[in-house]
Amino acid sequence: MPKRAHFFAGILATACIATFFLSTIVVEVFGSRPSVANLKSLIVMPGLWILVPSIAITGSSGLFLAKTRKGRIVDSKKRRMPIIAANGLLILIPCAVVLNRWAAAGAFDATFYIVQAVELLAGASNLTLMGLNIRDGLRLSGRLRSSSASAVRARTQ
């Protein structure tokens, strides 16, 4: 059960961040200010209420699964998780809340866009780190072969 919870929560968390990231870019390029305000509101509620538990489940189930595992891949995943968590708690969540309030008030000034740029950079960073964790998780589960194993197989064929 922890393996399935870890897998599905990790995919859900990554999908949430990717959705927030892409929808922010699309609505900023093609949308109106009211649509930006609506998106910011949706990111906070229900978005964060889906994202935060899924990240918590991913992290706690990952720690549980890692108790019995050793190795470079597990160590890499363990090193990435505090960065992902800190990035989310210290940058992404506060930015989402502040941007939602400013957008609701119609405060689309330079500060709004600077904070949004910070949010997008942090989101891109978390997407990258979470993608690496998904890749390594698939390798640990045997669903994805490592590139070195593929290279060895290609040379022997």
Protein backbone atom coordinates (compact mmCIF):
# COMPACT_ATOMS: atom_id res chain seq x y z
CA MET A 1 0.00 0.00 0.00
CA PRO A 2 2.75 2.59 0.76
CA LYS A 3 4.21 2.00 -2.71
CA ARG A 4 0.92 2.80 -4.41
CA ALA A 5 0.26 5.79 -2.16
CA HIS A 6 3.76 7.09 -2.88
CA PHE A 7 3.39 6.62 -6.62
CA PHE A 8 -0.05 8.20 -6.98
CA ALA A 9 0.59 11.06 -4.53
CA GLY A 10 3.87 11.86 -6.29
CA ILE A 11 2.21 11.91 -9.69
CA LEU A 12 -0.65 14.05 -8.34
CA ALA A 13 1.73 16.55 -6.71
CA THR A 14 3.79 16.84 -9.87
CA ALA A 15 0.66 17.22 -12.00
CA CYS A 16 -0.62 19.98 -9.69
CA ILE A 17 2.59 21.98 -9.92
CA ALA A 18 2.78 21.47 -13.68
CA THR A 19 -0.85 22.58 -14.04
CA PHE A 20 -0.28 25.68 -11.90
CA PHE A 21 2.88 26.51 -13.85
CA LEU A 22 1.46 26.05 -17.34
CA SER A 23 -1.89 27.65 -16.60
CA THR A 24 -0.14 30.70 -15.12
CA ILE A 25 1.91 31.15 -18.28
CA VAL A 26 -1.08 30.63 -20.58
CA VAL A 27 -3.41 32.98 -18.68
CA GLU A 28 -0.73 35.67 -18.46
CA VAL A 29 -0.08 35.51 -22.20
CA PHE A 30 -3.64 35.07 -23.47
CA GLY A 31 -5.96 35.98 -20.57
CA SER A 32 -7.40 39.10 -19.07
CA ARG A 33 -6.74 40.46 -15.59
CA PRO A 34 -9.99 38.95 -14.26
CA SER A 35 -8.91 35.56 -15.64
CA VAL A 36 -5.52 35.93 -13.91
CA ALA A 37 -7.32 36.75 -10.65
CA ASN A 38 -9.61 33.74 -11.12
CA LEU A 39 -6.67 31.42 -11.76
CA LYS A 40 -4.79 32.70 -8.70
CA SER A 41 -7.90 32.05 -6.63
CA LEU A 42 -8.23 28.51 -7.99
CA ILE A 43 -4.57 27.78 -7.30
CA VAL A 44 -5.06 28.69 -3.64
CA MET A 45 -8.46 27.03 -3.28
CA PRO A 46 -8.80 24.13 -4.11
CA GLY A 47 -5.29 23.81 -5.62
CA LEU A 48 -3.21 24.05 -2.46
CA TRP A 49 -5.71 21.82 -0.63
CA ILE A 50 -4.88 19.11 -3.18
CA LEU A 51 -1.16 19.83 -3.55
CA VAL A 52 -0.09 20.07 0.10
CA PRO A 53 -1.57 16.72 1.22
CA SER A 54 -0.25 14.97 -1.89
CA ILE A 55 3.27 16.27 -1.19
CA ALA A 56 2.97 15.26 2.47
CA ILE A 57 1.83 11.76 1.50
CA THR A 58 4.61 11.48 -1.06
CA GLY A 59 7.26 12.55 1.44
CA SER A 60 6.06 10.42 4.34
CA SER A 61 5.50 7.30 2.24
CA GLY A 62 8.88 7.86 0.58
CA LEU A 63 10.62 7.99 3.95
CA PHE A 64 8.80 4.82 4.98
CA LEU A 65 9.82 3.02 1.78
CA ALA A 66 13.42 4.25 2.04
CA LYS A 67 13.92 2.71 5.48
CA THR A 68 14.74 -0.65 3.94
CA ARG A 69 16.55 0.65 0.85
CA LYS A 70 20.13 1.79 0.42
CA GLY A 71 22.11 3.07 -2.49
CA ARG A 72 22.95 6.03 -4.66
CA ILE A 73 19.47 6.42 -6.14
CA VAL A 74 17.76 6.40 -2.74
CA ASP A 75 20.33 8.87 -1.42
CA SER A 76 19.71 11.18 -4.38
CA LYS A 77 15.96 11.13 -3.77
CA LYS A 78 16.52 11.82 -0.06
CA ARG A 79 18.74 14.83 -0.89
CA ARG A 80 16.15 16.31 -3.26
CA MET A 81 13.15 16.04 -0.93
CA PRO A 82 14.17 18.73 1.61
CA ILE A 83 14.82 21.13 -1.27
CA ILE A 84 11.41 20.38 -2.79
CA ALA A 85 9.69 20.80 0.59
CA ALA A 86 11.52 24.02 1.48
CA ASN A 87 10.88 25.44 -1.98
CA GLY A 88 7.18 24.68 -1.59
CA LEU A 89 6.77 25.88 1.97
CA LEU A 90 9.00 28.94 1.83
CA ILE A 91 8.44 30.15 -1.74
CA LEU A 92 5.56 28.55 -3.65
CA ILE A 93 2.81 28.61 -1.02
CA PRO A 94 3.52 32.18 0.20
CA CYS A 95 3.78 33.42 -3.40
CA ALA A 96 0.48 31.76 -4.31
CA VAL A 97 -1.32 33.32 -1.34
CA VAL A 98 0.17 36.81 -1.88
CA LEU A 99 -0.43 36.75 -5.64
CA ASN A 100 -4.03 35.65 -5.06
CA ARG A 101 -4.63 38.58 -2.70
CA TRP A 102 -2.98 41.10 -5.01
CA ALA A 103 -4.80 39.79 -8.08
CA ALA A 104 -8.15 39.92 -6.24
CA ALA A 105 -7.38 43.55 -5.36
CA GLY A 106 -6.37 44.32 -8.95
CA ALA A 107 -2.79 45.14 -7.92
CA PHE A 108 -1.03 44.11 -11.13
CA ASP A 109 2.10 46.19 -10.66
CA ALA A 110 5.80 45.48 -11.05
CA THR A 111 5.95 43.82 -7.62
CA PHE A 112 3.18 41.40 -8.66
CA TYR A 113 5.15 40.33 -11.71
CA ILE A 114 8.45 40.05 -9.80
CA VAL A 115 6.80 37.76 -7.25
CA GLN A 116 5.18 35.80 -10.06
CA ALA A 117 8.58 35.39 -11.75
CA VAL A 118 9.99 34.08 -8.47
CA GLU A 119 7.03 31.70 -8.21
CA LEU A 120 7.57 30.45 -11.77
CA LEU A 121 11.29 29.89 -11.17
CA ALA A 122 10.59 27.99 -7.95
CA GLY A 123 7.88 25.98 -9.71
CA ALA A 124 10.24 25.09 -12.55
CA SER A 125 12.87 24.06 -10.01
CA ASN A 126 10.41 21.84 -8.14
CA LEU A 127 9.13 20.31 -11.37
CA THR A 128 12.69 19.44 -12.36
CA LEU A 129 13.52 17.93 -8.96
CA MET A 130 10.23 16.04 -8.78
CA GLY A 131 10.75 14.74 -12.31
CA LEU A 132 14.17 13.44 -11.30
CA ASN A 133 12.61 11.75 -8.27
CA ILE A 134 9.95 10.14 -10.44
CA ARG A 135 12.61 8.89 -12.84
CA ASP A 136 14.67 7.48 -9.97
CA GLY A 137 11.58 5.94 -8.38
CA LEU A 138 10.76 4.19 -11.63
CA ARG A 139 14.34 2.90 -11.76
CA LEU A 140 14.09 1.61 -8.19
CA SER A 141 10.84 -0.17 -8.98
CA GLY A 142 12.29 -1.72 -12.13
CA ARG A 143 9.81 0.07 -14.40
CA LEU A 144 12.60 2.08 -16.01
CA ARG A 145 16.04 0.88 -16.89
CA SER A 146 18.97 3.08 -16.03
CA SER A 147 20.78 4.73 -18.91
CA SER A 148 24.01 2.89 -18.06
CA ALA A 149 22.24 -0.47 -18.26
CA SER A 150 20.75 0.52 -21.61
CA ALA A 151 24.16 1.56 -22.90
CA VAL A 152 25.70 -1.77 -21.87
CA ARG A 153 22.87 -3.68 -23.54
CA ALA A 154 23.23 -1.63 -26.74
CA ARG A 155 26.95 -2.36 -26.94
CA THR A 156 26.45 -6.11 -26.49
CA GLN A 157 23.79 -6.40 -29.22
